[in-house]
Amino acid sequence: MKVKIALLFLVLMCALKSYGSVLTLPTCQFARSLDTEVHFYISKDILDEYSPQFVKAKIDAWIAYSNLTLKNSCIPTTRRVTHVEYVSQIDSSWFQDIAVAERLLINELNRTFPEVNKQGEPIFNAIVFANAFDSYKSLYCGYASSSSFFFTIAINCPDSILEHEIGHLSGASHDIKTLSYYEEFDLDAHRLSTYPPLKNYSLGYICGERGTIMSYEDNHMPVYSSPDIKWNGKECGESDRADNRRVMVEFARQYSKVSLIND
């Protein structure tokens, strides 16, 4: 398994190196960072299609991609898996209704789920299904709650989806192209659709035909939107509307006295 993890990191670093001449990342040092826990609650029916070893490898890949994205974006946060539990099959038709999925899990396990650990650091809870497309009219690979630290995700989702959903839970939003897909989209109403309201600068971004992690572009990069990040010389964010790096740093500072040495 150690060999598999080493190979996974090698693949990620090779992918990053392929960006080398065109992707410009900010340089920073962390004086202190926020260590966040991720708990996984996995529907047992996954084992009808996938082995426990595959599930573990997928979780490792999700976490590795998350930490790569956070590091690339100069965000003083890390993710780690601290709990994995298989639970009785939860009806996958509730995949896209995170409130119902969360309630089903609470009823199944008959316990509460704290949003922070003893150190006051966030705990993100993933409810994992076998296939997102088994859900009734599900068009996406994951759904994040607007009122808790729960999200749903399917085991057959890309490696970037976990950090995308945790980004939502931390206050980051999609890019304007994705949001404008809906004809009657109103940006101000969208910002007020969650509590607390989204920041004015919480949008993802598309730069040089590549999207940041909160975008829906087929070609995306392991970075959050920020004008300090450039692809082929083009800024991957705007300080007044698309700076999810700033959103994520501010989220981290709510829970810990994190800082960047070059702040």
C-alpha atoms as a PDB file:
ATOM      1  CA  MET A   1       0.000   0.000   0.000  1.00  0.00           C
ATOM      2  CA  LYS A   2       2.918   2.340   0.722  1.00  0.00           C
ATOM      3  CA  VAL A   3       4.074   1.756  -2.858  1.00  0.00           C
ATOM      4  CA  LYS A   4       0.614   2.689  -4.174  1.00  0.00           C
ATOM      5  CA  ILE A   5       0.569   5.915  -2.158  1.00  0.00           C
ATOM      6  CA  ALA A   6       4.087   6.782  -3.348  1.00  0.00           C
ATOM      7  CA  LEU A   7       3.030   6.206  -6.948  1.00  0.00           C
ATOM      8  CA  LEU A   8      -0.042   8.370  -6.422  1.00  0.00           C
ATOM      9  CA  PHE A   9       2.079  11.289  -5.211  1.00  0.00           C
ATOM     10  CA  LEU A  10       4.474  10.740  -8.128  1.00  0.00           C
ATOM     11  CA  VAL A  11       1.592  11.016 -10.597  1.00  0.00           C
ATOM     12  CA  LEU A  12       0.351  14.197  -8.926  1.00  0.00           C
ATOM     13  CA  MET A  13       3.796  15.774  -8.954  1.00  0.00           C
ATOM     14  CA  CYS A  14       4.353  14.818 -12.580  1.00  0.00           C
ATOM     15  CA  ALA A  15       1.029  16.441 -13.467  1.00  0.00           C
ATOM     16  CA  LEU A  16       2.109  19.578 -11.639  1.00  0.00           C
ATOM     17  CA  LYS A  17       5.478  19.538 -13.404  1.00  0.00           C
ATOM     18  CA  SER A  18       3.670  19.403 -16.756  1.00  0.00           C
ATOM     19  CA  TYR A  19       2.161  22.763 -15.837  1.00  0.00           C
ATOM     20  CA  GLY A  20       5.666  24.022 -14.925  1.00  0.00           C
ATOM     21  CA  SER A  21       6.333  26.459 -17.762  1.00  0.00           C
ATOM     22  CA  VAL A  22       2.814  27.884 -17.825  1.00  0.00           C
ATOM     23  CA  LEU A  23       1.313  27.670 -14.327  1.00  0.00           C
ATOM     24  CA  THR A  24       2.689  30.317 -11.961  1.00  0.00           C
ATOM     25  CA  LEU A  25       1.978  29.692  -8.283  1.00  0.00           C
ATOM     26  CA  PRO A  26       2.370  32.064  -5.324  1.00  0.00           C
ATOM     27  CA  THR A  27       5.288  31.447  -2.985  1.00  0.00           C
ATOM     28  CA  CYS A  28       4.635  31.396   0.732  1.00  0.00           C
ATOM     29  CA  GLN A  29       5.581  29.789   4.009  1.00  0.00           C
ATOM     30  CA  PHE A  30       3.164  28.766   6.719  1.00  0.00           C
ATOM     31  CA  ALA A  31       3.879  29.926  10.249  1.00  0.00           C
ATOM     32  CA  ARG A  32       0.985  27.697  11.291  1.00  0.00           C
ATOM     33  CA  SER A  33      -1.775  25.868   9.443  1.00  0.00           C
ATOM     34  CA  LEU A  34      -5.245  24.520  10.153  1.00  0.00           C
ATOM     35  CA  ASP A  35      -5.469  20.733  10.319  1.00  0.00           C
ATOM     36  CA  THR A  36      -8.947  19.594   9.260  1.00  0.00           C
ATOM     37  CA  GLU A  37     -10.417  16.139   9.756  1.00  0.00           C
ATOM     38  CA  VAL A  38     -12.461  14.308   7.125  1.00  0.00           C
ATOM     39  CA  HIS A  39     -14.788  11.480   8.229  1.00  0.00           C
ATOM     40  CA  PHE A  40     -16.148   9.032   5.669  1.00  0.00           C
ATOM     41  CA  TYR A  41     -19.463   7.178   6.087  1.00  0.00           C
ATOM     42  CA  ILE A  42     -19.688   4.644   3.294  1.00  0.00           C
ATOM     43  CA  SER A  43     -22.803   2.870   2.140  1.00  0.00           C
ATOM     44  CA  LYS A  44     -22.163  -0.893   2.350  1.00  0.00           C
ATOM     45  CA  ASP A  45     -23.583  -1.494  -1.115  1.00  0.00           C
ATOM     46  CA  ILE A  46     -20.334  -0.049  -2.490  1.00  0.00           C
ATOM     47  CA  LEU A  47     -18.747  -3.407  -1.676  1.00  0.00           C
ATOM     48  CA  ASP A  48     -21.012  -5.036  -4.283  1.00  0.00           C
ATOM     49  CA  GLU A  49     -18.968  -3.219  -6.948  1.00  0.00           C
ATOM     50  CA  TYR A  50     -15.654  -2.271  -5.347  1.00  0.00           C
ATOM     51  CA  SER A  51     -13.165  -3.887  -2.976  1.00  0.00           C
ATOM     52  CA  PRO A  52     -12.258  -2.317   0.388  1.00  0.00           C
ATOM     53  CA  GLN A  53      -8.749  -1.811  -1.005  1.00  0.00           C
ATOM     54  CA  PHE A  54     -10.114   0.184  -3.937  1.00  0.00           C
ATOM     55  CA  VAL A  55     -12.244   2.321  -1.619  1.00  0.00           C
ATOM     56  CA  LYS A  56      -9.227   3.094   0.585  1.00  0.00           C
ATOM     57  CA  ALA A  57      -7.090   3.952  -2.446  1.00  0.00           C
ATOM     58  CA  LYS A  58      -9.817   6.284  -3.730  1.00  0.00           C
ATOM     59  CA  ILE A  59     -10.078   8.065  -0.387  1.00  0.00           C
ATOM     60  CA  ASP A  60      -6.280   8.449  -0.342  1.00  0.00           C
ATOM     61  CA  ALA A  61      -6.417   9.944  -3.849  1.00  0.00           C
ATOM     62  CA  TRP A  62      -9.153  12.415  -2.860  1.00  0.00           C
ATOM     63  CA  ILE A  63      -7.149  13.579   0.172  1.00  0.00           C
ATOM     64  CA  ALA A  64      -3.897  13.807  -1.785  1.00  0.00           C
ATOM     65  CA  TYR A  65      -5.561  15.972  -4.431  1.00  0.00           C
ATOM     66  CA  SER A  66      -7.069  18.189  -1.732  1.00  0.00           C
ATOM     67  CA  ASN A  67      -3.717  18.764  -0.062  1.00  0.00           C
ATOM     68  CA  LEU A  68      -2.017  19.400  -3.409  1.00  0.00           C
ATOM     69  CA  THR A  69      -4.649  22.029  -4.251  1.00  0.00           C
ATOM     70  CA  LEU A  70      -4.284  23.723  -0.861  1.00  0.00           C
ATOM     71  CA  LYS A  71      -0.493  23.731  -1.110  1.00  0.00           C
ATOM     72  CA  ASN A  72      -0.507  25.076  -4.682  1.00  0.00           C
ATOM     73  CA  SER A  73      -2.899  27.839  -3.682  1.00  0.00           C
ATOM     74  CA  CYS A  74      -0.851  28.902  -0.642  1.00  0.00           C
ATOM     75  CA  ILE A  75      -3.705  28.142   1.774  1.00  0.00           C
ATOM     76  CA  PRO A  76      -2.607  27.317   5.356  1.00  0.00           C
ATOM     77  CA  THR A  77      -4.801  24.224   5.658  1.00  0.00           C
ATOM     78  CA  THR A  78      -4.336  20.459   5.466  1.00  0.00           C
ATOM     79  CA  ARG A  79      -6.787  17.561   5.268  1.00  0.00           C
ATOM     80  CA  ARG A  80      -6.474  14.147   6.890  1.00  0.00           C
ATOM     81  CA  VAL A  81      -8.684  11.082   7.204  1.00  0.00           C
ATOM     82  CA  THR A  82      -9.471  10.290  10.818  1.00  0.00           C
ATOM     83  CA  HIS A  83     -12.554   8.077  10.547  1.00  0.00           C
ATOM     84  CA  VAL A  84     -13.869   5.583   7.981  1.00  0.00           C
ATOM     85  CA  GLU A  85     -17.063   3.629   8.705  1.00  0.00           C
ATOM     86  CA  TYR A  86     -19.280   1.391   6.598  1.00  0.00           C
ATOM     87  CA  VAL A  87     -22.985   1.806   7.279  1.00  0.00           C
ATOM     88  CA  SER A  88     -26.130  -0.014   6.209  1.00  0.00           C
ATOM     89  CA  GLN A  89     -27.205   0.822   2.704  1.00  0.00           C
ATOM     90  CA  ILE A  90     -28.623   4.322   2.398  1.00  0.00           C
ATOM     91  CA  ASP A  91     -31.027   4.758  -0.481  1.00  0.00           C
ATOM     92  CA  SER A  92     -28.929   6.334  -3.247  1.00  0.00           C
ATOM     93  CA  SER A  93     -31.999   8.149  -4.577  1.00  0.00           C
ATOM     94  CA  TRP A  94     -31.321  10.629  -1.747  1.00  0.00           C
ATOM     95  CA  PHE A  95     -27.804  11.327  -3.002  1.00  0.00           C
ATOM     96  CA  GLN A  96     -28.681  14.838  -4.205  1.00  0.00           C
ATOM     97  CA  ASP A  97     -30.702  15.744  -1.100  1.00  0.00           C
ATOM     98  CA  ILE A  98     -27.949  16.219   1.440  1.00  0.00           C
ATOM     99  CA  ALA A  99     -30.344  17.133   4.267  1.00  0.00           C
ATOM    100  CA  VAL A 100     -32.194  13.825   3.891  1.00  0.00           C
ATOM    101  CA  ALA A 101     -28.968  11.839   3.511  1.00  0.00           C
ATOM    102  CA  GLU A 102     -27.615  13.445   6.683  1.00  0.00           C
ATOM    103  CA  ARG A 103     -30.833  12.633   8.574  1.00  0.00           C
ATOM    104  CA  LEU A 104     -30.757   9.012   7.362  1.00  0.00           C
ATOM    105  CA  LEU A 105     -27.196   8.664   8.612  1.00  0.00           C
ATOM    106  CA  ILE A 106     -28.044  10.168  12.015  1.00  0.00           C
ATOM    107  CA  ASN A 107     -30.994   7.789  12.349  1.00  0.00           C
ATOM    108  CA  GLU A 108     -28.901   4.816  11.262  1.00  0.00           C
ATOM    109  CA  LEU A 109     -26.049   5.444  13.705  1.00  0.00           C
ATOM    110  CA  ASN A 110     -28.124   7.075  16.451  1.00  0.00           C
ATOM    111  CA  ARG A 111     -25.494   9.626  17.403  1.00  0.00           C
ATOM    112  CA  THR A 112     -24.619  13.252  16.892  1.00  0.00           C
ATOM    113  CA  PHE A 113     -21.854  14.539  14.648  1.00  0.00           C
ATOM    114  CA  PRO A 114     -19.814  17.438  16.057  1.00  0.00           C
ATOM    115  CA  GLU A 115     -18.583  20.019  13.564  1.00  0.00           C
ATOM    116  CA  VAL A 116     -15.295  20.544  15.394  1.00  0.00           C
ATOM    117  CA  ASN A 117     -12.893  18.313  17.305  1.00  0.00           C
ATOM    118  CA  LYS A 118     -11.510  18.888  20.813  1.00  0.00           C
ATOM    119  CA  GLN A 119      -8.971  21.316  19.396  1.00  0.00           C
ATOM    120  CA  GLY A 120     -11.735  23.368  17.766  1.00  0.00           C
ATOM    121  CA  GLU A 121     -10.735  22.302  14.248  1.00  0.00           C
ATOM    122  CA  PRO A 122     -13.411  21.524  11.607  1.00  0.00           C
ATOM    123  CA  ILE A 123     -14.633  17.997  10.911  1.00  0.00           C
ATOM    124  CA  PHE A 124     -16.032  17.485   7.412  1.00  0.00           C
ATOM    125  CA  ASN A 125     -18.385  14.497   7.010  1.00  0.00           C
ATOM    126  CA  ALA A 126     -18.619  12.687   3.694  1.00  0.00           C
ATOM    127  CA  ILE A 127     -21.508  10.320   2.935  1.00  0.00           C
ATOM    128  CA  VAL A 128     -20.179   8.067   0.193  1.00  0.00           C
ATOM    129  CA  PHE A 129     -22.353   6.276  -2.384  1.00  0.00           C
ATOM    130  CA  ALA A 130     -21.411   3.819  -5.107  1.00  0.00           C
ATOM    131  CA  ASN A 131     -22.663   5.802  -8.083  1.00  0.00           C
ATOM    132  CA  ALA A 132     -23.957   9.365  -8.306  1.00  0.00           C
ATOM    133  CA  PHE A 133     -26.021   8.559 -11.378  1.00  0.00           C
ATOM    134  CA  ASP A 134     -28.143   6.024  -9.530  1.00  0.00           C
ATOM    135  CA  SER A 135     -29.793   9.010  -7.875  1.00  0.00           C
ATOM    136  CA  TYR A 136     -33.025  10.344  -9.299  1.00  0.00           C
ATOM    137  CA  LYS A 137     -32.170  13.124 -11.772  1.00  0.00           C
ATOM    138  CA  SER A 138     -28.689  13.550 -10.303  1.00  0.00           C
ATOM    139  CA  LEU A 139     -26.473  15.551 -12.660  1.00  0.00           C
ATOM    140  CA  TYR A 140     -23.471  16.028 -10.411  1.00  0.00           C
ATOM    141  CA  CYS A 141     -20.835  14.037  -8.545  1.00  0.00           C
ATOM    142  CA  GLY A 142     -21.340  15.583  -5.128  1.00  0.00           C
ATOM    143  CA  TYR A 143     -23.561  17.857  -3.058  1.00  0.00           C
ATOM    144  CA  ALA A 144     -22.610  20.095  -0.137  1.00  0.00           C
ATOM    145  CA  SER A 145     -24.894  21.152   2.689  1.00  0.00           C
ATOM    146  CA  SER A 146     -25.747  24.822   3.093  1.00  0.00           C
ATOM    147  CA  SER A 147     -26.182  24.456   6.868  1.00  0.00           C
ATOM    148  CA  SER A 148     -23.671  21.860   8.136  1.00  0.00           C
ATOM    149  CA  PHE A 149     -20.299  20.285   7.344  1.00  0.00           C
ATOM    150  CA  PHE A 150     -21.867  17.303   5.546  1.00  0.00           C
ATOM    151  CA  PHE A 151     -21.555  16.470   1.869  1.00  0.00           C
ATOM    152  CA  THR A 152     -22.316  13.543  -0.408  1.00  0.00           C
ATOM    153  CA  ILE A 153     -19.874  12.104  -2.901  1.00  0.00           C
ATOM    154  CA  ALA A 154     -19.789   9.048  -5.151  1.00  0.00           C
ATOM    155  CA  ILE A 155     -16.874   6.639  -5.206  1.00  0.00           C
ATOM    156  CA  ASN A 156     -16.705   6.907  -9.018  1.00  0.00           C
ATOM    157  CA  CYS A 157     -16.190  10.693  -8.890  1.00  0.00           C
ATOM    158  CA  PRO A 158     -12.922  12.373 -10.019  1.00  0.00           C
ATOM    159  CA  ASP A 159     -10.173  13.024  -7.473  1.00  0.00           C
ATOM    160  CA  SER A 160     -10.941  16.763  -7.465  1.00  0.00           C
ATOM    161  CA  ILE A 161     -14.548  16.431  -6.254  1.00  0.00           C
ATOM    162  CA  LEU A 162     -13.818  16.051  -2.548  1.00  0.00           C
ATOM    163  CA  GLU A 163     -11.951  19.358  -2.335  1.00  0.00           C
ATOM    164  CA  HIS A 164     -14.594  20.992  -4.545  1.00  0.00           C
ATOM    165  CA  GLU A 165     -17.329  20.057  -2.068  1.00  0.00           C
ATOM    166  CA  ILE A 166     -15.268  21.032   0.990  1.00  0.00           C
ATOM    167  CA  GLY A 167     -14.624  24.313  -0.821  1.00  0.00           C
ATOM    168  CA  HIS A 168     -18.386  24.896  -0.853  1.00  0.00           C
ATOM    169  CA  LEU A 169     -18.584  24.115   2.874  1.00  0.00           C
ATOM    170  CA  SER A 170     -15.841  26.688   3.448  1.00  0.00           C
ATOM    171  CA  GLY A 171     -17.560  29.487   1.502  1.00  0.00           C
ATOM    172  CA  ALA A 172     -16.193  29.045  -2.036  1.00  0.00           C
ATOM    173  CA  SER A 173     -18.522  29.173  -5.033  1.00  0.00           C
ATOM    174  CA  HIS A 174     -18.571  28.175  -8.710  1.00  0.00           C
ATOM    175  CA  ASP A 175     -17.295  30.290 -11.561  1.00  0.00           C
ATOM    176  CA  ILE A 176     -19.671  32.760 -13.194  1.00  0.00           C
ATOM    177  CA  LYS A 177     -19.927  30.667 -16.396  1.00  0.00           C
ATOM    178  CA  THR A 178     -21.275  27.708 -14.429  1.00  0.00           C
ATOM    179  CA  LEU A 179     -23.622  29.838 -12.345  1.00  0.00           C
ATOM    180  CA  SER A 180     -24.950  31.661 -15.422  1.00  0.00           C
ATOM    181  CA  TYR A 181     -26.081  28.344 -16.925  1.00  0.00           C
ATOM    182  CA  TYR A 182     -29.441  29.050 -15.323  1.00  0.00           C
ATOM    183  CA  GLU A 183     -31.342  31.669 -17.318  1.00  0.00           C
ATOM    184  CA  GLU A 184     -32.755  33.487 -14.309  1.00  0.00           C
ATOM    185  CA  PHE A 185     -29.525  33.461 -12.335  1.00  0.00           C
ATOM    186  CA  ASP A 186     -29.049  36.386  -9.963  1.00  0.00           C
ATOM    187  CA  LEU A 187     -25.573  36.741  -8.429  1.00  0.00           C
ATOM    188  CA  ASP A 188     -26.731  38.739  -5.408  1.00  0.00           C
ATOM    189  CA  ALA A 189     -29.485  36.215  -4.647  1.00  0.00           C
ATOM    190  CA  HIS A 190     -26.956  33.394  -5.013  1.00  0.00           C
ATOM    191  CA  ARG A 191     -24.645  34.989  -2.443  1.00  0.00           C
ATOM    192  CA  LEU A 192     -27.524  35.191   0.027  1.00  0.00           C
ATOM    193  CA  SER A 193     -28.611  31.574  -0.546  1.00  0.00           C
ATOM    194  CA  THR A 194     -26.341  30.191   2.190  1.00  0.00           C
ATOM    195  CA  TYR A 195     -25.636  31.101   5.791  1.00  0.00           C
ATOM    196  CA  PRO A 196     -23.435  32.923   6.340  1.00  0.00           C
ATOM    197  CA  PRO A 197     -23.803  34.683   2.948  1.00  0.00           C
ATOM    198  CA  LEU A 198     -21.064  34.142   0.375  1.00  0.00           C
ATOM    199  CA  LYS A 199     -18.373  36.787   0.089  1.00  0.00           C
ATOM    200  CA  ASN A 200     -18.399  39.100  -2.934  1.00  0.00           C
ATOM    201  CA  TYR A 201     -15.060  37.612  -4.026  1.00  0.00           C
ATOM    202  CA  SER A 202     -16.044  33.944  -3.650  1.00  0.00           C
ATOM    203  CA  LEU A 203     -16.299  32.977  -7.345  1.00  0.00           C
ATOM    204  CA  GLY A 204     -14.212  30.367  -9.117  1.00  0.00           C
ATOM    205  CA  TYR A 205     -12.465  31.331 -12.337  1.00  0.00           C
ATOM    206  CA  ILE A 206     -11.556  30.244 -15.858  1.00  0.00           C
ATOM    207  CA  CYS A 207      -8.198  31.381 -17.212  1.00  0.00           C
ATOM    208  CA  GLY A 208      -6.743  30.373 -20.553  1.00  0.00           C
ATOM    209  CA  GLU A 209      -9.457  27.739 -21.092  1.00  0.00           C
ATOM    210  CA  ARG A 210      -8.609  26.034 -17.812  1.00  0.00           C
ATOM    211  CA  GLY A 211     -10.709  26.245 -14.682  1.00  0.00           C
ATOM    212  CA  THR A 212      -9.852  26.470 -11.005  1.00  0.00           C
ATOM    213  CA  ILE A 213     -11.118  23.730  -8.709  1.00  0.00           C
ATOM    214  CA  MET A 214     -14.531  25.356  -8.124  1.00  0.00           C
ATOM    215  CA  SER A 215     -15.253  25.535 -11.861  1.00  0.00           C
ATOM    216  CA  TYR A 216     -17.008  22.951 -14.023  1.00  0.00           C
ATOM    217  CA  GLU A 217     -14.470  23.078 -16.855  1.00  0.00           C
ATOM    218  CA  ASP A 218     -13.318  19.737 -18.269  1.00  0.00           C
ATOM    219  CA  ASN A 219      -9.753  21.030 -18.058  1.00  0.00           C
ATOM    220  CA  HIS A 220      -9.129  22.287 -14.569  1.00  0.00           C
ATOM    221  CA  MET A 221      -6.130  22.782 -12.314  1.00  0.00           C
ATOM    222  CA  PRO A 222      -5.498  21.911  -8.640  1.00  0.00           C
ATOM    223  CA  VAL A 223      -5.739  25.528  -7.490  1.00  0.00           C
ATOM    224  CA  TYR A 224      -8.331  27.886  -6.042  1.00  0.00           C
ATOM    225  CA  SER A 225      -9.080  31.124  -7.881  1.00  0.00           C
ATOM    226  CA  SER A 226      -6.639  33.928  -7.130  1.00  0.00           C
ATOM    227  CA  PRO A 227      -5.137  36.838  -9.087  1.00  0.00           C
ATOM    228  CA  ASP A 228      -1.784  35.662  -7.675  1.00  0.00           C
ATOM    229  CA  ILE A 229      -2.023  32.440  -9.715  1.00  0.00           C
ATOM    230  CA  LYS A 230      -1.436  32.634 -13.476  1.00  0.00           C
ATOM    231  CA  TRP A 231      -1.895  30.249 -16.369  1.00  0.00           C
ATOM    232  CA  ASN A 232       0.067  31.224 -19.488  1.00  0.00           C
ATOM    233  CA  GLY A 233       0.431  34.671 -17.992  1.00  0.00           C
ATOM    234  CA  LYS A 234      -3.319  35.098 -17.465  1.00  0.00           C
ATOM    235  CA  GLU A 235      -4.508  35.762 -13.935  1.00  0.00           C
ATOM    236  CA  CYS A 236      -6.709  32.997 -12.532  1.00  0.00           C
ATOM    237  CA  GLY A 237      -8.883  35.298 -10.456  1.00  0.00           C
ATOM    238  CA  GLU A 238     -10.002  38.829  -9.696  1.00  0.00           C
ATOM    239  CA  SER A 239      -9.462  40.474  -6.322  1.00  0.00           C
ATOM    240  CA  ASP A 240     -12.993  41.899  -6.142  1.00  0.00           C
ATOM    241  CA  ARG A 241     -15.014  38.863  -7.299  1.00  0.00           C
ATOM    242  CA  ALA A 242     -12.950  35.702  -7.835  1.00  0.00           C
ATOM    243  CA  ASP A 243     -10.448  35.129  -5.044  1.00  0.00           C
ATOM    244  CA  ASN A 244     -11.327  31.827  -3.387  1.00  0.00           C
ATOM    245  CA  ARG A 245      -7.807  31.582  -2.008  1.00  0.00           C
ATOM    246  CA  ARG A 246      -8.711  34.568   0.175  1.00  0.00           C
ATOM    247  CA  VAL A 247     -12.022  32.908   1.130  1.00  0.00           C
ATOM    248  CA  MET A 248     -10.216  29.727   2.206  1.00  0.00           C
ATOM    249  CA  VAL A 249      -7.542  31.578   4.188  1.00  0.00           C
ATOM    250  CA  GLU A 250     -10.238  33.558   6.013  1.00  0.00           C
ATOM    251  CA  PHE A 251     -12.121  30.330   6.758  1.00  0.00           C
ATOM    252  CA  ALA A 252      -8.966  28.808   8.263  1.00  0.00           C
ATOM    253  CA  ARG A 253      -8.436  31.850  10.465  1.00  0.00           C
ATOM    254  CA  GLN A 254     -11.915  31.451  11.948  1.00  0.00           C
ATOM    255  CA  TYR A 255     -10.800  28.198  13.585  1.00  0.00           C
ATOM    256  CA  SER A 256      -7.122  28.709  14.253  1.00  0.00           C
ATOM    257  CA  LYS A 257      -4.584  31.503  14.524  1.00  0.00           C
ATOM    258  CA  VAL A 258      -3.090  30.481  11.178  1.00  0.00           C
ATOM    259  CA  SER A 259      -0.745  32.836   9.422  1.00  0.00           C
ATOM    260  CA  LEU A 260       1.560  33.086   6.466  1.00  0.00           C
ATOM    261  CA  ILE A 261       5.109  34.207   7.171  1.00  0.00           C
ATOM    262  CA  ASN A 262       4.983  36.554   4.173  1.00  0.00           C
ATOM    263  CA  ASP A 263       1.538  38.031   5.029  1.00  0.00           C
END
